[in-house]
Amino acid sequence: MMKRVEEAWERGNTAAVLLMDVKGAFPHVAKGNLIKRMEEMGFEADLVRWVESFMEDRKVIMSTDGKEGDSIDVETGVPQGSPVSPVLLVIYLSGLFGQVEDKEKECGSQGISFVDDVAWVVEGEDVGECTQQLERCETETTVWAKKNACQFDIEKTEVMLFTRRRKYKEPKMNARVWVGNHEVPYNKEATRWLGVWLDDMLTLNDHMKKTLAKARKAQSRVRSLMTKKGLSSEGCKQIQVAAVQAVALYGSELWWQGQENRAQEVQKLLNEKGRRVTGCFTTTPQGALMNDVGLRPAKALLSNRARRYKLKQMMMPDAQGGGKMLEVQRNVLQRVEGID
């Protein structure tokens, strides 16, 4: 999504996003429509028959206070908890994107999804043009949903406007997007999507503040656990890395560009982690502290995550589905050497 928005900015345009959530996603997968979609996508006949068998003869039983009710046949939906179900849901929803994008091809509307979270990204010269495009995307989405026994949750629908033009900030406050019979205003604050807080200028300042605050709370709970349970230094380190460091660095690949002030904020958290693991004083030199604990400094952690993220991007297949994997492997170091 961020790449799409930045490309719109490079063309001198404003970008907008409509976030939609599939209502009761797994229970609303219609078997007939899913099988038809798999056949359209060219899946092997054996695999299609396996999925058809997987969705047959399903039953549910209501259990209340240990008492079970009657068995009820279920003709639609895929079982939640099965590793196959998210894949089948993605296949089921895949037809939506082709239909909407083909209708809005001239406008360049693009669909992005993660399981049951769907986002429509559009661009235009101003807020009004973006709003009209989002409304058309929503209309086509509703048409597809009715044909495929699918619903979207109006209460969870959100819209965002991304612009670097200050003159568009005020119209954003008053603009509304019609979603069905409801008017949805553009979010005034940063919006959370897939765990990342996106602000209208993509600074990700809000995201960093929120993840660090969440990490500090986790660190406080870990400190309480250490005091009560008397964890070893190695055990404490493992918990700190998994429960504190991972939270603090979530999404850092998107905002890390070598900013000294942001590295310092992360380093403060790491220093506190090191002190908790070793029991050292606050006056202990940072270098000695990190070496004794075996922890990497903030800049190294952030840069390493950014490198791996760039590598994954370059290893992805190209638009034609091929991808030049060997060439990427030979040149990856040269292409990411700009990140210290």
Protein backbone atom coordinates (compact mmCIF):
# COMPACT_ATOMS: atom_id res chain seq x y z
CA MET A 1 0.00 0.00 0.00
CA MET A 2 2.75 2.45 0.94
CA LYS A 3 4.53 1.86 -2.37
CA ARG A 4 1.31 2.56 -4.28
CA VAL A 5 0.76 5.80 -2.35
CA GLU A 6 4.33 6.98 -2.89
CA GLU A 7 4.03 6.28 -6.62
CA ALA A 8 0.91 8.48 -6.71
CA TRP A 9 2.83 11.26 -4.97
CA GLU A 10 5.63 11.01 -7.52
CA ARG A 11 3.03 11.69 -10.23
CA GLY A 12 1.86 14.74 -8.30
CA ASN A 13 -1.42 13.14 -7.23
CA THR A 14 -3.26 12.45 -3.99
CA ALA A 15 -3.97 8.87 -2.88
CA ALA A 16 -6.90 7.45 -0.94
CA VAL A 17 -7.67 4.03 0.52
CA LEU A 18 -10.92 2.28 1.35
CA LEU A 19 -10.56 -0.42 4.02
CA MET A 20 -13.23 -3.13 4.07
CA ASP A 21 -13.65 -6.20 6.27
CA VAL A 22 -15.40 -9.36 5.12
CA LYS A 23 -18.24 -10.08 7.54
CA GLY A 24 -18.19 -13.63 8.87
CA ALA A 25 -15.58 -14.52 6.26
CA PHE A 26 -15.05 -18.24 6.83
CA PRO A 27 -18.73 -19.22 7.33
CA HIS A 28 -19.79 -17.46 4.10
CA VAL A 29 -17.61 -19.35 1.61
CA ALA A 30 -20.12 -20.93 -0.79
CA LYS A 31 -18.87 -24.30 -2.01
CA GLY A 32 -20.29 -24.02 -5.52
CA ASN A 33 -18.78 -20.57 -6.08
CA LEU A 34 -15.42 -21.67 -4.67
CA ILE A 35 -15.24 -24.73 -6.94
CA LYS A 36 -16.17 -22.59 -9.94
CA ARG A 37 -13.46 -20.06 -9.06
CA MET A 38 -10.81 -22.78 -8.71
CA GLU A 39 -11.74 -24.16 -12.12
CA GLU A 40 -11.49 -20.66 -13.63
CA MET A 41 -8.02 -20.28 -12.13
CA GLY A 42 -6.89 -23.55 -13.68
CA PHE A 43 -6.38 -25.69 -10.56
CA GLU A 44 -5.79 -29.38 -11.18
CA ALA A 45 -8.92 -31.53 -11.21
CA ASP A 46 -7.68 -33.72 -8.33
CA LEU A 47 -7.16 -30.69 -6.11
CA VAL A 48 -10.60 -29.29 -6.98
CA ARG A 49 -12.22 -32.63 -6.09
CA TRP A 50 -10.27 -32.73 -2.82
CA VAL A 51 -11.61 -29.28 -1.85
CA GLU A 52 -15.12 -30.33 -2.81
CA SER A 53 -14.79 -33.39 -0.56
CA PHE A 54 -13.26 -31.25 2.21
CA MET A 55 -16.42 -29.10 2.30
CA GLU A 56 -18.95 -31.96 2.17
CA ASP A 57 -20.86 -33.57 5.04
CA ARG A 58 -19.96 -30.90 7.58
CA LYS A 59 -21.95 -30.66 10.78
CA VAL A 60 -21.97 -28.40 13.85
CA ILE A 61 -23.14 -29.05 17.40
CA MET A 62 -23.95 -26.33 19.93
CA SER A 63 -22.56 -27.02 23.39
CA THR A 64 -23.74 -25.00 26.43
CA ASP A 65 -22.62 -25.74 29.99
CA GLY A 66 -21.49 -29.18 28.95
CA LYS A 67 -24.79 -30.06 27.27
CA GLU A 68 -24.75 -30.70 23.54
CA GLY A 69 -27.59 -29.88 21.19
CA ASP A 70 -28.65 -31.57 17.99
CA SER A 71 -26.30 -31.98 15.06
CA ILE A 72 -26.95 -29.49 12.26
CA ASP A 73 -25.82 -29.88 8.67
CA VAL A 74 -23.68 -27.04 7.30
CA GLU A 75 -23.73 -26.47 3.56
CA THR A 76 -21.55 -23.34 3.34
CA GLY A 77 -18.33 -22.15 4.91
CA VAL A 78 -14.92 -23.60 5.69
CA PRO A 79 -13.90 -24.74 9.20
CA GLN A 80 -12.06 -22.13 11.23
CA GLY A 81 -8.80 -23.41 12.66
CA SER A 82 -7.88 -25.48 9.63
CA PRO A 83 -4.67 -24.32 7.88
CA VAL A 84 -6.45 -24.86 4.57
CA SER A 85 -9.29 -22.44 5.28
CA PRO A 86 -7.39 -19.12 4.90
CA VAL A 87 -6.02 -20.32 1.56
CA LEU A 88 -9.48 -21.26 0.32
CA LEU A 89 -10.83 -17.91 1.47
CA VAL A 90 -8.14 -16.05 -0.47
CA ILE A 91 -8.98 -18.07 -3.58
CA TYR A 92 -12.67 -17.35 -3.05
CA LEU A 93 -12.10 -13.59 -2.80
CA SER A 94 -9.62 -13.43 -5.70
CA GLY A 95 -12.39 -12.97 -8.26
CA LEU A 96 -13.37 -9.70 -6.60
CA PHE A 97 -10.16 -7.90 -7.51
CA GLY A 98 -10.25 -8.75 -11.19
CA GLN A 99 -13.82 -7.55 -11.51
CA VAL A 100 -13.30 -4.21 -9.77
CA GLU A 101 -9.89 -3.46 -11.31
CA ASP A 102 -11.17 -4.20 -14.80
CA LYS A 103 -14.10 -1.83 -14.29
CA GLU A 104 -11.83 0.91 -12.95
CA LYS A 105 -8.83 0.21 -15.17
CA GLU A 106 -8.66 3.78 -16.52
CA CYS A 107 -8.44 5.15 -12.99
CA GLY A 108 -5.76 2.68 -11.93
CA SER A 109 -7.66 1.41 -8.88
CA GLN A 110 -5.83 -1.42 -7.15
CA GLY A 111 -7.00 -4.02 -4.65
CA ILE A 112 -4.86 -5.32 -1.79
CA SER A 113 -5.92 -7.98 0.70
CA PHE A 114 -4.76 -10.09 3.61
CA VAL A 115 -7.19 -12.95 4.33
CA ASP A 116 -10.47 -11.09 5.10
CA ASP A 117 -9.05 -7.54 5.11
CA VAL A 118 -9.57 -5.81 1.75
CA ALA A 119 -8.18 -2.42 0.73
CA TRP A 120 -8.85 -0.36 -2.41
CA VAL A 121 -6.14 2.15 -3.34
CA VAL A 122 -6.91 4.98 -5.78
CA GLU A 123 -5.28 8.23 -6.83
CA GLY A 124 -6.54 11.52 -8.19
CA GLU A 125 -5.78 15.17 -8.57
CA ASP A 126 -7.78 16.12 -5.49
CA VAL A 127 -9.95 14.83 -2.65
CA GLY A 128 -13.13 14.92 -4.74
CA GLU A 129 -11.73 12.73 -7.50
CA CYS A 130 -10.38 10.20 -5.01
CA THR A 131 -13.72 10.10 -3.24
CA GLN A 132 -15.62 9.35 -6.45
CA GLN A 133 -13.23 6.54 -7.34
CA LEU A 134 -13.55 4.94 -3.90
CA GLU A 135 -17.33 5.05 -4.17
CA ARG A 136 -17.19 3.29 -7.54
CA CYS A 137 -14.90 0.63 -6.06
CA GLU A 138 -17.34 0.13 -3.21
CA THR A 139 -20.27 -0.20 -5.63
CA GLU A 140 -18.53 -2.85 -7.71
CA THR A 141 -17.45 -4.66 -4.53
CA THR A 142 -21.06 -4.78 -3.35
CA VAL A 143 -22.21 -6.14 -6.72
CA TRP A 144 -19.62 -8.92 -6.56
CA ALA A 145 -20.47 -9.69 -2.92
CA LYS A 146 -24.18 -10.19 -3.67
CA LYS A 147 -23.36 -12.63 -6.47
CA ASN A 148 -21.00 -14.60 -4.25
CA ALA A 149 -22.97 -14.85 -0.99
CA CYS A 150 -20.52 -12.51 0.71
CA GLN A 151 -20.97 -9.46 2.95
CA PHE A 152 -18.75 -6.61 4.12
CA ASP A 153 -19.00 -5.15 7.62
CA ILE A 154 -20.07 -1.51 7.33
CA GLU A 155 -19.11 -0.82 10.95
CA LYS A 156 -15.48 -1.75 10.24
CA THR A 157 -15.19 0.21 7.00
CA GLU A 158 -12.64 3.06 7.06
CA VAL A 159 -11.25 5.53 4.53
CA MET A 160 -7.87 7.26 4.51
CA LEU A 161 -6.44 10.12 2.47
CA PHE A 162 -2.70 10.40 1.85
CA THR A 163 -1.39 13.75 0.73
CA ARG A 164 1.62 16.03 1.14
CA ARG A 165 -0.37 19.05 0.04
CA ARG A 166 -1.45 21.13 2.98
CA LYS A 167 -4.33 22.70 1.04
CA TYR A 168 -6.03 19.28 0.92
CA LYS A 169 -5.94 18.75 4.68
CA GLU A 170 -9.00 20.91 5.35
CA PRO A 171 -11.25 19.40 2.63
CA LYS A 172 -10.30 16.01 4.01
CA MET A 173 -11.97 16.86 7.32
CA ASN A 174 -15.33 17.46 5.61
CA ALA A 175 -15.27 14.88 2.80
CA ARG A 176 -17.37 11.72 3.07
CA VAL A 177 -17.42 8.46 1.14
CA TRP A 178 -20.76 6.77 0.54
CA VAL A 179 -20.58 3.09 1.48
CA GLY A 180 -23.98 1.59 0.80
CA ASN A 181 -26.42 3.86 2.65
CA HIS A 182 -23.78 5.12 5.06
CA GLU A 183 -21.42 8.09 4.89
CA VAL A 184 -17.91 7.28 6.09
CA PRO A 185 -15.61 10.25 6.87
CA TYR A 186 -11.89 10.24 6.16
CA ASN A 187 -9.94 9.33 9.28
CA LYS A 188 -8.39 12.36 10.93
CA GLU A 189 -5.83 10.35 12.90
CA ALA A 190 -3.44 7.56 12.01
CA THR A 191 -5.21 4.36 10.96
CA ARG A 192 -4.17 0.84 11.94
CA TRP A 193 -4.02 -1.69 9.11
CA LEU A 194 -2.35 -5.08 9.50
CA GLY A 195 -0.70 -3.89 12.69
CA VAL A 196 0.85 -0.74 11.16
CA TRP A 197 -0.37 2.75 12.05
CA LEU A 198 -0.50 4.82 8.84
CA ASP A 199 -0.72 8.62 9.02
CA ASP A 200 -1.73 10.81 6.07
CA MET A 201 1.88 11.74 5.23
CA LEU A 202 3.36 8.27 5.85
CA THR A 203 5.87 9.50 8.41
CA LEU A 204 4.96 6.50 10.61
CA ASN A 205 5.70 8.62 13.68
CA ASP A 206 2.50 7.38 15.32
CA HIS A 207 3.38 3.79 14.55
CA MET A 208 6.81 4.07 16.15
CA LYS A 209 5.43 5.80 19.26
CA LYS A 210 2.71 3.18 19.70
CA THR A 211 5.02 0.19 19.21
CA LEU A 212 7.59 1.58 21.66
CA ALA A 213 4.87 2.28 24.21
CA LYS A 214 3.56 -1.26 23.79
CA ALA A 215 7.09 -2.65 24.15
CA ARG A 216 7.63 -0.69 27.38
CA LYS A 217 4.45 -2.16 28.83
CA ALA A 218 5.66 -5.62 27.86
CA GLN A 219 9.00 -4.90 29.49
CA SER A 220 7.25 -3.87 32.69
CA ARG A 221 5.40 -7.20 32.76
CA VAL A 222 8.63 -9.09 32.11
CA ARG A 223 10.31 -7.21 34.96
CA SER A 224 7.49 -8.26 37.28
CA LEU A 225 7.85 -11.86 36.11
CA MET A 226 11.59 -11.81 36.78
CA THR A 227 11.07 -10.49 40.29
CA LYS A 228 8.47 -13.10 41.18
CA LYS A 229 9.88 -16.15 39.39
CA GLY A 230 13.62 -15.50 39.61
CA LEU A 231 14.42 -16.21 35.96
CA SER A 232 17.99 -16.91 34.88
CA SER A 233 19.82 -14.31 32.79
CA GLU A 234 19.53 -16.44 29.64
CA GLY A 235 15.83 -17.06 30.22
CA CYS A 236 15.27 -13.37 30.79
CA LYS A 237 17.13 -12.53 27.60
CA GLN A 238 15.00 -14.92 25.54
CA ILE A 239 11.78 -13.45 26.90
CA GLN A 240 13.04 -9.90 26.37
CA VAL A 241 13.90 -10.61 22.73
CA ALA A 242 10.59 -12.37 22.02
CA ALA A 243 8.20 -10.19 24.02
CA VAL A 244 9.86 -6.75 24.06
CA GLN A 245 12.30 -6.38 21.18
CA ALA A 246 9.98 -8.00 18.62
CA VAL A 247 7.18 -5.63 19.58
CA ALA A 248 9.38 -2.54 19.44
CA LEU A 249 10.77 -3.36 15.99
CA TYR A 250 7.50 -4.47 14.37
CA GLY A 251 7.14 -2.58 11.09
CA SER A 252 10.50 -0.82 11.52
CA GLU A 253 11.43 -1.88 7.96
CA LEU A 254 8.90 0.68 6.76
CA TRP A 255 10.21 3.70 8.66
CA TRP A 256 13.93 3.05 9.17
CA GLN A 257 16.07 5.22 6.90
CA GLY A 258 19.02 5.78 9.19
CA GLN A 259 17.34 8.45 11.37
CA GLU A 260 19.56 9.10 14.39
CA ASN A 261 16.73 10.25 16.67
CA ARG A 262 14.68 7.10 16.03
CA ALA A 263 17.68 4.85 16.62
CA GLN A 264 18.24 6.59 19.96
CA GLU A 265 14.65 5.91 21.06
CA VAL A 266 15.02 2.22 20.28
CA GLN A 267 18.45 2.11 21.91
CA LYS A 268 17.04 3.45 25.19
CA LEU A 269 14.66 0.50 25.28
CA LEU A 270 17.48 -1.94 24.48
CA ASN A 271 19.64 -0.44 27.22
CA GLU A 272 16.86 -0.99 29.72
CA LYS A 273 16.52 -4.56 28.47
CA GLY A 274 20.25 -5.13 28.95
CA ARG A 275 20.13 -3.81 32.49
CA ARG A 276 17.22 -6.08 33.35
CA VAL A 277 19.05 -9.12 32.02
CA THR A 278 22.36 -8.41 33.77
CA GLY A 279 21.24 -6.45 36.81
CA CYS A 280 23.78 -3.73 35.96
CA PHE A 281 23.48 -0.10 37.10
CA THR A 282 22.20 2.68 34.87
CA THR A 283 25.73 4.14 34.81
CA THR A 284 27.17 1.03 33.15
CA PRO A 285 28.72 1.97 29.75
CA GLN A 286 26.42 1.09 26.89
CA GLY A 287 29.03 -0.80 24.86
CA ALA A 288 30.10 -3.02 27.73
CA LEU A 289 26.48 -3.65 28.69
CA MET A 290 25.44 -4.79 25.19
CA ASN A 291 28.55 -6.99 24.83
CA ASP A 292 28.01 -8.73 28.14
CA VAL A 293 24.38 -9.47 27.32
CA GLY A 294 25.10 -10.49 23.73
CA LEU A 295 22.61 -7.98 22.29
CA ARG A 296 23.07 -6.04 19.08
CA PRO A 297 22.77 -2.22 19.14
CA ALA A 298 19.69 -0.51 17.73
CA LYS A 299 21.25 0.64 14.45
CA ALA A 300 22.50 -2.85 13.64
CA LEU A 301 19.13 -4.42 14.40
CA LEU A 302 17.20 -1.87 12.38
CA SER A 303 19.54 -2.03 9.39
CA ASN A 304 19.54 -5.82 9.37
CA ARG A 305 15.74 -5.94 9.33
CA ALA A 306 15.70 -3.39 6.50
CA ARG A 307 18.17 -5.47 4.48
CA ARG A 308 16.13 -8.62 4.87
CA TYR A 309 12.98 -6.73 3.87
CA LYS A 310 14.67 -5.39 0.74
CA LEU A 311 15.92 -8.86 -0.08
CA LYS A 312 12.43 -10.34 0.18
CA GLN A 313 11.09 -7.63 -2.10
CA MET A 314 13.74 -8.31 -4.72
CA MET A 315 13.22 -12.07 -4.54
CA MET A 316 9.53 -11.76 -5.34
CA PRO A 317 8.50 -12.83 -8.86
CA ASP A 318 8.07 -10.09 -11.43
CA ALA A 319 4.73 -9.17 -12.97
CA GLN A 320 5.04 -11.98 -15.53
CA GLY A 321 5.57 -14.54 -12.77
CA GLY A 322 9.16 -15.40 -13.65
CA GLY A 323 11.59 -13.37 -11.57
CA LYS A 324 15.34 -13.35 -12.00
CA MET A 325 16.34 -15.10 -8.80
CA LEU A 326 19.96 -15.81 -9.65
CA GLU A 327 20.58 -12.27 -10.80
CA VAL A 328 19.05 -10.94 -7.61
CA GLN A 329 21.24 -13.17 -5.50
CA ARG A 330 24.37 -11.92 -7.27
CA ASN A 331 23.47 -8.25 -6.97
CA VAL A 332 21.58 -8.02 -3.68
CA LEU A 333 24.53 -6.76 -1.63
CA GLN A 334 25.24 -3.96 -4.07
CA ARG A 335 21.59 -2.94 -4.15
CA VAL A 336 21.20 -2.66 -0.37
CA GLU A 337 24.62 -1.30 0.53
CA GLY A 338 23.08 2.15 0.92
CA ILE A 339 21.62 1.00 4.25
CA ASP A 340 24.30 1.14 6.93
